[in-house]
PDB file of all heavy atoms in Angstrom:
ATOM      1  N   ASN A   1      75.306  47.942 -53.757  1.00  0.00           N
ATOM      2  CA  ASN A   1      74.810  46.811 -54.593  1.00  0.00           C
ATOM      3  C   ASN A   1      75.546  45.479 -54.442  1.00  0.00           C
ATOM      4  O   ASN A   1      74.938  44.488 -54.817  1.00  0.00           O
ATOM      5  CB  ASN A   1      74.932  47.311 -56.127  1.00  0.00           C
ATOM      6  CG  ASN A   1      73.981  46.544 -57.002  1.00  0.00           C
ATOM      7  OD1 ASN A   1      72.827  46.446 -56.736  1.00  0.00           O
ATOM      8  ND2 ASN A   1      74.626  45.921 -58.068  1.00  0.00           N
ATOM      9  N   GLY A   2      76.804  45.530 -54.123  1.00  0.00           N
ATOM     10  CA  GLY A   2      77.585  44.340 -53.924  1.00  0.00           C
ATOM     11  C   GLY A   2      77.918  43.699 -55.276  1.00  0.00           C
ATOM     12  O   GLY A   2      78.251  42.462 -55.382  1.00  0.00           O
ATOM     13  N   ASN A   3      78.023  44.552 -56.315  1.00  0.00           N
ATOM     14  CA  ASN A   3      78.230  44.049 -57.603  1.00  0.00           C
ATOM     15  C   ASN A   3      79.020  45.210 -58.394  1.00  0.00           C
ATOM     16  O   ASN A   3      78.272  45.831 -59.205  1.00  0.00           O
ATOM     17  CB  ASN A   3      76.998  43.589 -58.339  1.00  0.00           C
ATOM     18  CG  ASN A   3      77.310  43.040 -59.638  1.00  0.00           C
ATOM     19  OD1 ASN A   3      78.393  42.421 -60.047  1.00  0.00           O
ATOM     20  ND2 ASN A   3      76.321  43.083 -60.638  1.00  0.00           N
ATOM     21  N   PRO A   4      80.278  45.301 -58.344  1.00  0.00           N
ATOM     22  CA  PRO A   4      80.950  46.436 -59.093  1.00  0.00           C
ATOM     23  C   PRO A   4      80.945  46.308 -60.543  1.00  0.00           C
ATOM     24  O   PRO A   4      80.859  45.175 -61.103  1.00  0.00           O
ATOM     25  CB  PRO A   4      82.540  46.325 -58.556  1.00  0.00           C
ATOM     26  CG  PRO A   4      82.609  44.952 -58.062  1.00  0.00           C
ATOM     27  CD  PRO A   4      81.293  44.515 -57.615  1.00  0.00           C
ATOM     28  N   VAL A   5      80.816  47.495 -61.092  1.00  0.00           N
ATOM     29  CA  VAL A   5      80.657  47.509 -62.640  1.00  0.00           C
ATOM     30  C   VAL A   5      81.822  48.393 -63.184  1.00  0.00           C
ATOM     31  O   VAL A   5      82.251  49.373 -62.673  1.00  0.00           O
ATOM     32  CB  VAL A   5      79.273  48.240 -62.989  1.00  0.00           C
ATOM     33  CG1 VAL A   5      79.160  48.451 -64.505  1.00  0.00           C
ATOM     34  CG2 VAL A   5      78.153  47.390 -62.511  1.00  0.00           C
ATOM     35  N   LYS A   6      82.383  47.853 -64.282  1.00  0.00           N
ATOM     36  CA  LYS A   6      83.428  48.623 -64.970  1.00  0.00           C
ATOM     37  C   LYS A   6      82.832  49.962 -65.454  1.00  0.00           C
ATOM     38  O   LYS A   6      81.792  50.009 -66.025  1.00  0.00           O
ATOM     39  CB  LYS A   6      83.999  47.830 -66.136  1.00  0.00           C
ATOM     40  CG  LYS A   6      84.721  46.579 -65.741  1.00  0.00           C
ATOM     41  CD  LYS A   6      85.229  45.893 -67.007  1.00  0.00           C
ATOM     42  CE  LYS A   6      86.041  44.594 -66.622  1.00  0.00           C
ATOM     43  NZ  LYS A   6      86.462  43.942 -67.793  1.00  0.00           N
ATOM     44  N   LEU A   7      83.650  50.972 -65.313  1.00  0.00           N
ATOM     45  CA  LEU A   7      83.222  52.352 -65.589  1.00  0.00           C
ATOM     46  C   LEU A   7      82.920  52.474 -67.174  1.00  0.00           C
ATOM     47  O   LEU A   7      81.884  52.996 -67.558  1.00  0.00           O
ATOM     48  CB  LEU A   7      84.308  53.397 -65.358  1.00  0.00           C
ATOM     49  CG  LEU A   7      84.006  54.769 -65.839  1.00  0.00           C
ATOM     50  CD1 LEU A   7      82.775  55.373 -65.053  1.00  0.00           C
ATOM     51  CD2 LEU A   7      85.183  55.737 -65.472  1.00  0.00           C
ATOM     52  N   MET A   8      83.646  51.694 -68.010  1.00  0.00           N
ATOM     53  CA  MET A   8      83.311  51.796 -69.444  1.00  0.00           C
ATOM     54  C   MET A   8      82.019  51.104 -69.713  1.00  0.00           C
ATOM     55  O   MET A   8      81.293  51.458 -70.626  1.00  0.00           O
ATOM     56  CB  MET A   8      84.499  51.123 -70.209  1.00  0.00           C
ATOM     57  CG  MET A   8      85.838  51.921 -70.179  1.00  0.00           C
ATOM     58  SD  MET A   8      85.628  53.703 -70.553  1.00  0.00           S
ATOM     59  CE  MET A   8      85.085  53.572 -72.272  1.00  0.00           C
ATOM     60  N   ASN A   9      81.723  50.058 -69.044  1.00  0.00           N
ATOM     61  CA  ASN A   9      80.430  49.311 -69.200  1.00  0.00           C
ATOM     62  C   ASN A   9      79.258  50.294 -68.757  1.00  0.00           C
ATOM     63  O   ASN A   9      78.196  50.246 -69.395  1.00  0.00           O
ATOM     64  CB  ASN A   9      80.226  48.092 -68.414  1.00  0.00           C
ATOM     65  CG  ASN A   9      81.215  46.979 -68.970  1.00  0.00           C
ATOM     66  OD1 ASN A   9      81.775  47.127 -70.079  1.00  0.00           O
ATOM     67  ND2 ASN A   9      81.494  45.940 -68.257  1.00  0.00           N
ATOM     68  N   PHE A  10      79.502  50.976 -67.742  1.00  0.00           N
ATOM     69  CA  PHE A  10      78.427  52.008 -67.248  1.00  0.00           C
ATOM     70  C   PHE A  10      78.222  53.035 -68.285  1.00  0.00           C
ATOM     71  O   PHE A  10      77.108  53.373 -68.667  1.00  0.00           O
ATOM     72  CB  PHE A  10      78.995  52.610 -65.937  1.00  0.00           C
ATOM     73  CG  PHE A  10      77.989  53.463 -65.296  1.00  0.00           C
ATOM     74  CD1 PHE A  10      76.842  53.003 -64.628  1.00  0.00           C
ATOM     75  CD2 PHE A  10      78.101  54.870 -65.279  1.00  0.00           C
ATOM     76  CE1 PHE A  10      75.916  53.740 -63.966  1.00  0.00           C
ATOM     77  CE2 PHE A  10      77.184  55.752 -64.563  1.00  0.00           C
ATOM     78  CZ  PHE A  10      76.110  55.140 -63.930  1.00  0.00           C
ATOM     79  N   ILE A  11      79.401  53.484 -68.911  1.00  0.00           N
ATOM     80  CA  ILE A  11      79.167  54.544 -69.929  1.00  0.00           C
ATOM     81  C   ILE A  11      78.506  53.965 -71.229  1.00  0.00           C
ATOM     82  O   ILE A  11      77.634  54.648 -71.837  1.00  0.00           O
ATOM     83  CB  ILE A  11      80.648  55.089 -70.344  1.00  0.00           C
ATOM     84  CG1 ILE A  11      81.182  55.884 -69.206  1.00  0.00           C
ATOM     85  CG2 ILE A  11      80.508  55.944 -71.587  1.00  0.00           C
ATOM     86  CD1 ILE A  11      82.597  56.268 -69.392  1.00  0.00           C
ATOM     87  N   GLU A  12      78.827  52.692 -71.488  1.00  0.00           N
ATOM     88  CA  GLU A  12      78.118  52.012 -72.620  1.00  0.00           C
ATOM     89  C   GLU A  12      76.646  51.940 -72.319  1.00  0.00           C
ATOM     90  O   GLU A  12      75.851  52.162 -73.328  1.00  0.00           O
ATOM     91  CB  GLU A  12      78.701  50.644 -72.875  1.00  0.00           C
ATOM     92  CG  GLU A  12      80.148  50.685 -73.443  1.00  0.00           C
ATOM     93  CD  GLU A  12      80.728  49.364 -73.420  1.00  0.00           C
ATOM     94  OE1 GLU A  12      80.054  48.295 -73.024  1.00  0.00           O
ATOM     95  OE2 GLU A  12      81.883  49.149 -73.802  1.00  0.00           O
ATOM     96  N   SER A  13      76.200  51.642 -71.193  1.00  0.00           N
ATOM     97  CA  SER A  13      74.789  51.701 -70.838  1.00  0.00           C
ATOM     98  C   SER A  13      74.121  53.113 -71.046  1.00  0.00           C
ATOM     99  O   SER A  13      73.127  53.130 -71.593  1.00  0.00           O
ATOM    100  CB  SER A  13      74.606  51.227 -69.372  1.00  0.00           C
ATOM    101  OG  SER A  13      75.004  49.906 -69.123  1.00  0.00           O
ATOM    102  N   LEU A  14      74.845  54.043 -70.658  1.00  0.00           N
ATOM    103  CA  LEU A  14      74.427  55.382 -70.859  1.00  0.00           C
ATOM    104  C   LEU A  14      74.284  55.818 -72.343  1.00  0.00           C
ATOM    105  O   LEU A  14      73.270  56.318 -72.792  1.00  0.00           O
ATOM    106  CB  LEU A  14      75.285  56.420 -70.092  1.00  0.00           C
ATOM    107  CG  LEU A  14      74.921  57.910 -70.345  1.00  0.00           C
ATOM    108  CD1 LEU A  14      73.429  58.133 -69.755  1.00  0.00           C
ATOM    109  CD2 LEU A  14      75.908  58.788 -69.478  1.00  0.00           C
ATOM    110  N   GLU A  15      75.327  55.399 -73.145  1.00  0.00           N
ATOM    111  CA  GLU A  15      75.311  55.646 -74.609  1.00  0.00           C
ATOM    112  C   GLU A  15      74.075  54.984 -75.205  1.00  0.00           C
ATOM    113  O   GLU A  15      73.408  55.563 -76.102  1.00  0.00           O
ATOM    114  CB  GLU A  15      76.601  55.187 -75.174  1.00  0.00           C
ATOM    115  CG  GLU A  15      77.841  56.062 -74.831  1.00  0.00           C
ATOM    116  CD  GLU A  15      79.113  55.360 -75.284  1.00  0.00           C
ATOM    117  OE1 GLU A  15      79.146  54.114 -75.293  1.00  0.00           O
ATOM    118  OE2 GLU A  15      80.034  56.200 -75.710  1.00  0.00           O
ATOM    119  N   LYS A  16      73.822  53.720 -74.812  1.00  0.00           N
ATOM    120  CA  LYS A  16      72.688  53.004 -75.415  1.00  0.00           C
ATOM    121  C   LYS A  16      71.373  53.650 -75.044  1.00  0.00           C
ATOM    122  O   LYS A  16      70.545  53.780 -75.805  1.00  0.00           O
ATOM    123  CB  LYS A  16      72.766  51.527 -74.870  1.00  0.00           C
ATOM    124  CG  LYS A  16      71.614  50.684 -75.351  1.00  0.00           C
ATOM    125  CD  LYS A  16      71.695  49.254 -74.801  1.00  0.00           C
ATOM    126  CE  LYS A  16      70.568  48.395 -75.327  1.00  0.00           C
ATOM    127  NZ  LYS A  16      70.606  46.997 -74.733  1.00  0.00           N
ATOM    128  N   SER A  17      71.185  54.103 -73.828  1.00  0.00           N
ATOM    129  CA  SER A  17      69.998  54.723 -73.301  1.00  0.00           C
ATOM    130  C   SER A  17      69.842  56.080 -74.104  1.00  0.00           C
ATOM    131  O   SER A  17      68.620  56.381 -74.421  1.00  0.00           O
ATOM    132  CB  SER A  17      70.019  54.942 -71.913  1.00  0.00           C
ATOM    133  OG  SER A  17      68.825  55.496 -71.397  1.00  0.00           O
ATOM    134  N   LEU A  18      70.826  56.832 -74.277  1.00  0.00           N
ATOM    135  CA  LEU A  18      70.763  58.102 -74.921  1.00  0.00           C
ATOM    136  C   LEU A  18      70.706  58.021 -76.515  1.00  0.00           C
ATOM    137  O   LEU A  18      70.291  58.879 -77.196  1.00  0.00           O
ATOM    138  CB  LEU A  18      71.916  59.045 -74.605  1.00  0.00           C
ATOM    139  CG  LEU A  18      71.978  59.500 -73.082  1.00  0.00           C
ATOM    140  CD1 LEU A  18      73.319  60.216 -72.874  1.00  0.00           C
ATOM    141  CD2 LEU A  18      70.823  60.515 -72.797  1.00  0.00           C
ATOM    142  N   GLY A  19      71.182  56.929 -77.002  1.00  0.00           N
ATOM    143  CA  GLY A  19      71.229  56.716 -78.417  1.00  0.00           C
ATOM    144  C   GLY A  19      72.368  57.554 -79.011  1.00  0.00           C
ATOM    145  O   GLY A  19      72.288  57.985 -80.207  1.00  0.00           O
ATOM    146  N   VAL A  20      73.397  57.845 -78.242  1.00  0.00           N
ATOM    147  CA  VAL A  20      74.499  58.757 -78.658  1.00  0.00           C
ATOM    148  C   VAL A  20      75.776  58.089 -78.276  1.00  0.00           C
ATOM    149  O   VAL A  20      75.885  57.645 -77.044  1.00  0.00           O
ATOM    150  CB  VAL A  20      74.351  60.159 -78.077  1.00  0.00           C
ATOM    151  CG1 VAL A  20      75.530  61.069 -78.612  1.00  0.00           C
ATOM    152  CG2 VAL A  20      73.045  60.771 -78.451  1.00  0.00           C
ATOM    153  N   THR A  21      76.867  58.199 -79.058  1.00  0.00           N
ATOM    154  CA  THR A  21      78.112  57.680 -78.610  1.00  0.00           C
ATOM    155  C   THR A  21      78.920  58.891 -78.090  1.00  0.00           C
ATOM    156  O   THR A  21      79.002  59.943 -78.675  1.00  0.00           O
ATOM    157  CB  THR A  21      78.903  57.072 -79.792  1.00  0.00           C
ATOM    158  OG1 THR A  21      78.193  56.062 -80.370  1.00  0.00           O
ATOM    159  CG2 THR A  21      80.361  56.661 -79.377  1.00  0.00           C
ATOM    160  N   ALA A  22      79.472  58.702 -76.811  1.00  0.00           N
ATOM    161  CA  ALA A  22      80.083  59.782 -76.068  1.00  0.00           C
ATOM    162  C   ALA A  22      81.484  60.044 -76.707  1.00  0.00           C
ATOM    163  O   ALA A  22      82.188  59.163 -77.148  1.00  0.00           O
ATOM    164  CB  ALA A  22      80.231  59.409 -74.659  1.00  0.00           C
ATOM    165  N   LYS A  23      81.864  61.361 -76.752  1.00  0.00           N
ATOM    166  CA  LYS A  23      83.273  61.734 -77.031  1.00  0.00           C
ATOM    167  C   LYS A  23      84.018  61.682 -75.769  1.00  0.00           C
ATOM    168  O   LYS A  23      83.655  62.487 -74.867  1.00  0.00           O
ATOM    169  CB  LYS A  23      83.225  63.105 -77.707  1.00  0.00           C
ATOM    170  CG  LYS A  23      82.604  63.159 -79.050  1.00  0.00           C
ATOM    171  CD  LYS A  23      82.637  64.534 -79.731  1.00  0.00           C
ATOM    172  CE  LYS A  23      81.454  65.361 -79.218  1.00  0.00           C
ATOM    173  NZ  LYS A  23      81.407  66.717 -79.854  1.00  0.00           N
ATOM    174  N   LYS A  24      85.063  60.828 -75.745  1.00  0.00           N
ATOM    175  CA  LYS A  24      85.671  60.580 -74.460  1.00  0.00           C
ATOM    176  C   LYS A  24      87.087  61.195 -74.346  1.00  0.00           C
ATOM    177  O   LYS A  24      87.895  61.234 -75.309  1.00  0.00           O
ATOM    178  CB  LYS A  24      85.857  59.077 -74.252  1.00  0.00           C
ATOM    179  CG  LYS A  24      84.496  58.332 -74.315  1.00  0.00           C
ATOM    180  CD  LYS A  24      84.676  56.856 -74.333  1.00  0.00           C
ATOM    181  CE  LYS A  24      83.345  56.097 -74.460  1.00  0.00           C
ATOM    182  NZ  LYS A  24      82.833  56.320 -75.807  1.00  0.00           N
ATOM    183  N   ASN A  25      87.275  61.875 -73.260  1.00  0.00           N
ATOM    184  CA  ASN A  25      88.600  62.437 -72.992  1.00  0.00           C
ATOM    185  C   ASN A  25      89.274  61.685 -71.782  1.00  0.00           C
ATOM    186  O   ASN A  25      88.881  61.933 -70.687  1.00  0.00           O
ATOM    187  CB  ASN A  25      88.451  63.966 -72.495  1.00  0.00           C
ATOM    188  CG  ASN A  25      89.771  64.674 -72.168  1.00  0.00           C
ATOM    189  OD1 ASN A  25      90.854  64.339 -72.817  1.00  0.00           O
ATOM    190  ND2 ASN A  25      89.688  65.538 -71.173  1.00  0.00           N
ATOM    191  N   PHE A  26      90.150  60.770 -72.253  1.00  0.00           N
ATOM    192  CA  PHE A  26      90.803  59.885 -71.217  1.00  0.00           C
ATOM    193  C   PHE A  26      91.815  60.625 -70.398  1.00  0.00           C
ATOM    194  O   PHE A  26      92.709  61.245 -70.980  1.00  0.00           O
ATOM    195  CB  PHE A  26      91.302  58.657 -71.866  1.00  0.00           C
ATOM    196  CG  PHE A  26      90.208  57.714 -72.419  1.00  0.00           C
ATOM    197  CD1 PHE A  26      89.884  57.766 -73.777  1.00  0.00           C
ATOM    198  CD2 PHE A  26      89.626  56.876 -71.606  1.00  0.00           C
ATOM    199  CE1 PHE A  26      88.931  56.959 -74.296  1.00  0.00           C
ATOM    200  CE2 PHE A  26      88.610  55.981 -72.045  1.00  0.00           C
ATOM    201  CZ  PHE A  26      88.314  56.075 -73.485  1.00  0.00           C
ATOM    202  N   MET A  27      91.760  60.468 -69.079  1.00  0.00           N
ATOM    203  CA  MET A  27      92.520  61.252 -68.136  1.00  0.00           C
ATOM    204  C   MET A  27      93.165  60.303 -67.097  1.00  0.00           C
ATOM    205  O   MET A  27      92.684  59.315 -66.903  1.00  0.00           O
ATOM    206  CB  MET A  27      91.807  62.380 -67.519  1.00  0.00           C
ATOM    207  CG  MET A  27      91.201  63.337 -68.515  1.00  0.00           C
ATOM    208  SD  MET A  27      90.298  64.649 -67.670  1.00  0.00           S
ATOM    209  CE  MET A  27      91.516  65.552 -66.805  1.00  0.00           C
ATOM    210  N   PRO A  28      94.266  60.795 -66.356  1.00  0.00           N
ATOM    211  CA  PRO A  28      94.841  59.983 -65.335  1.00  0.00           C
ATOM    212  C   PRO A  28      93.893  59.978 -64.169  1.00  0.00           C
ATOM    213  O   PRO A  28      92.991  60.816 -64.016  1.00  0.00           O
ATOM    214  CB  PRO A  28      96.136  60.685 -65.065  1.00  0.00           C
ATOM    215  CG  PRO A  28      95.957  62.035 -65.585  1.00  0.00           C
ATOM    216  CD  PRO A  28      95.052  62.019 -66.727  1.00  0.00           C
ATOM    217  N   MET A  29      94.190  59.153 -63.109  1.00  0.00           N
ATOM    218  CA  MET A  29      93.489  59.078 -61.863  1.00  0.00           C
ATOM    219  C   MET A  29      93.577  60.491 -61.175  1.00  0.00           C
ATOM    220  O   MET A  29      94.679  61.089 -61.190  1.00  0.00           O
ATOM    221  CB  MET A  29      94.040  58.037 -61.014  1.00  0.00           C
ATOM    222  CG  MET A  29      93.296  57.872 -59.660  1.00  0.00           C
ATOM    223  SD  MET A  29      91.739  56.933 -59.839  1.00  0.00           S
ATOM    224  CE  MET A  29      92.385  55.303 -59.657  1.00  0.00           C
ATOM    225  N   GLN A  30      92.539  60.908 -60.534  1.00  0.00           N
ATOM    226  CA  GLN A  30      92.500  62.134 -59.806  1.00  0.00           C
ATOM    227  C   GLN A  30      92.876  61.964 -58.362  1.00  0.00           C
ATOM    228  O   GLN A  30      92.736  60.867 -57.773  1.00  0.00           O
ATOM    229  CB  GLN A  30      91.172  62.738 -59.792  1.00  0.00           C
ATOM    230  CG  GLN A  30      90.651  63.337 -61.102  1.00  0.00           C
ATOM    231  CD  GLN A  30      89.412  64.250 -61.006  1.00  0.00           C
ATOM    232  OE1 GLN A  30      89.556  65.439 -61.275  1.00  0.00           O
ATOM    233  NE2 GLN A  30      88.284  63.540 -60.612  1.00  0.00           N
TER     234      GLN A  30
END
């Protein structure tokens, strides 16, 4: 796409589309 998106913004788009706020388990880099 040539336009990187922050992961949290991506998750916010999904939450908006689903109409649900995600329960998030923050973890270290894999």
